[in-house]
Amino acid sequence: MHVATVIGNVWATRKDATLEGLRLLVVRPFTTDGRESAETMIAADPIGAGIGERVLVVHGRAARHAIGKGHDVGFQTAIAGIIDRMDLDDGRRIGGHVDGDEA
């Protein structure tokens, strides 16, 4: 499982039939050191996350379960939750949106 920030949408006119009706988002893993990760992932979004929101991203069986199609889906990365807030052990409070972080 990853914490990530939604940074974009993916538009695909041609895709596997099992992905019809699913939104695909570009997400970037969250790093606690404040640096942007160079890595990005594409995640199916069955819950309606938006640009800038922090989300929980799951993989494999958990992703297929979150998408709701069991093994009958051609995708293994999905958004399973939208984060409201994270309180880190160093005292930082991380908001659910990139604009909501506190020192």
Protein backbone atom coordinates (compact mmCIF):
# COMPACT_ATOMS: atom_id res chain seq x y z
CA MET A 1 0.00 0.00 0.00
CA HIS A 2 1.21 3.51 -0.79
CA VAL A 3 0.20 7.00 0.19
CA ALA A 4 0.15 9.07 -2.98
CA THR A 5 -0.98 12.40 -4.38
CA VAL A 6 -3.26 12.56 -7.43
CA ILE A 7 -1.45 14.59 -10.08
CA GLY A 8 -3.43 13.94 -13.26
CA ASN A 9 -6.03 12.08 -15.28
CA VAL A 10 -5.52 9.44 -17.96
CA TRP A 11 -7.81 9.49 -20.97
CA ALA A 12 -7.85 6.29 -23.01
CA THR A 13 -10.27 5.78 -25.88
CA ARG A 14 -9.02 2.22 -26.33
CA LYS A 15 -8.51 0.01 -23.31
CA ASP A 16 -9.18 -3.49 -22.06
CA ALA A 17 -12.91 -4.17 -21.91
CA THR A 18 -12.67 -4.88 -18.15
CA LEU A 19 -11.61 -1.26 -17.61
CA GLU A 20 -14.69 0.26 -19.24
CA GLY A 21 -16.34 2.73 -16.90
CA LEU A 22 -13.28 3.10 -14.63
CA ARG A 23 -11.50 6.41 -14.15
CA LEU A 24 -7.73 6.19 -14.40
CA LEU A 25 -5.57 8.67 -12.48
CA VAL A 26 -1.88 9.49 -12.39
CA VAL A 27 -0.59 9.34 -8.81
CA ARG A 28 2.80 10.18 -7.31
CA PRO A 29 3.95 8.41 -4.13
CA PHE A 30 4.14 10.66 -1.07
CA THR A 31 7.55 11.03 0.57
CA THR A 32 8.01 12.13 4.18
CA ASP A 33 11.19 14.09 3.41
CA GLY A 34 9.23 16.64 1.37
CA ARG A 35 10.93 15.83 -1.92
CA GLU A 36 8.83 14.91 -4.92
CA SER A 37 9.15 11.31 -5.99
CA ALA A 38 10.24 10.78 -9.60
CA GLU A 39 7.99 7.74 -9.75
CA THR A 40 4.40 7.92 -10.97
CA MET A 41 1.75 5.22 -11.19
CA ILE A 42 -1.60 4.85 -12.88
CA ALA A 43 -4.40 3.78 -10.55
CA ALA A 44 -8.03 2.90 -11.20
CA ASP A 45 -10.29 5.19 -9.19
CA PRO A 46 -13.58 3.63 -8.08
CA ILE A 47 -14.23 6.27 -5.37
CA GLY A 48 -13.88 9.67 -7.06
CA ALA A 49 -10.56 11.19 -5.95
CA GLY A 50 -9.54 14.57 -7.35
CA ILE A 51 -6.37 16.32 -8.43
CA GLY A 52 -4.21 17.27 -5.44
CA GLU A 53 -5.85 14.85 -3.01
CA ARG A 54 -3.80 12.40 -0.98
CA VAL A 55 -4.98 8.83 -1.43
CA LEU A 56 -4.31 5.25 -0.33
CA VAL A 57 -3.19 3.15 -3.29
CA VAL A 58 -3.42 -0.64 -3.14
CA HIS A 59 -2.04 -3.30 -5.45
CA GLY A 60 -2.82 -6.84 -6.58
CA ARG A 61 -5.76 -8.64 -5.00
CA ALA A 62 -6.58 -5.65 -2.78
CA ALA A 63 -6.81 -3.44 -5.87
CA ARG A 64 -9.06 -5.87 -7.71
CA HIS A 65 -11.27 -6.02 -4.63
CA ALA A 66 -11.39 -2.19 -4.39
CA ILE A 67 -12.33 -1.95 -8.07
CA GLY A 68 -15.14 -4.41 -7.38
CA LYS A 69 -14.71 -6.81 -10.26
CA GLY A 70 -12.80 -9.60 -8.55
CA HIS A 71 -10.35 -11.40 -10.82
CA ASP A 72 -12.26 -10.22 -13.89
CA VAL A 73 -10.36 -6.96 -14.24
CA GLY A 74 -7.16 -6.28 -16.17
CA PHE A 75 -5.68 -3.89 -13.62
CA GLN A 76 -3.84 -4.31 -10.32
CA THR A 77 -3.49 -0.79 -8.90
CA ALA A 78 -6.41 1.12 -7.39
CA ILE A 79 -7.30 3.94 -5.06
CA ALA A 80 -8.89 2.48 -1.93
CA GLY A 81 -9.29 5.64 0.16
CA ILE A 82 -9.04 9.42 0.23
CA ILE A 83 -6.95 10.65 3.16
CA ASP A 84 -8.34 13.37 5.43
CA ARG A 85 -5.18 13.89 7.47
CA MET A 86 -1.97 12.18 8.57
CA ASP A 87 -0.24 12.94 11.88
CA LEU A 88 3.43 11.94 11.70
CA ASP A 89 5.52 11.00 14.72
CA ASP A 90 7.77 14.04 14.22
CA GLY A 91 4.80 16.34 14.94
CA ARG A 92 3.98 17.21 11.35
CA ARG A 93 0.35 17.19 10.29
CA ILE A 94 -0.09 16.32 6.61
CA GLY A 95 -3.37 17.40 5.05
CA GLY A 96 -5.55 15.39 2.71
CA HIS A 97 -4.78 17.85 -0.08
CA VAL A 98 -1.42 19.25 -1.18
CA ASP A 99 -2.59 22.71 -0.06
CA GLY A 100 -3.45 21.53 3.47
CA ASP A 101 -0.06 20.62 4.97
CA GLU A 102 1.00 22.14 8.28
CA ALA A 103 4.51 22.55 9.67
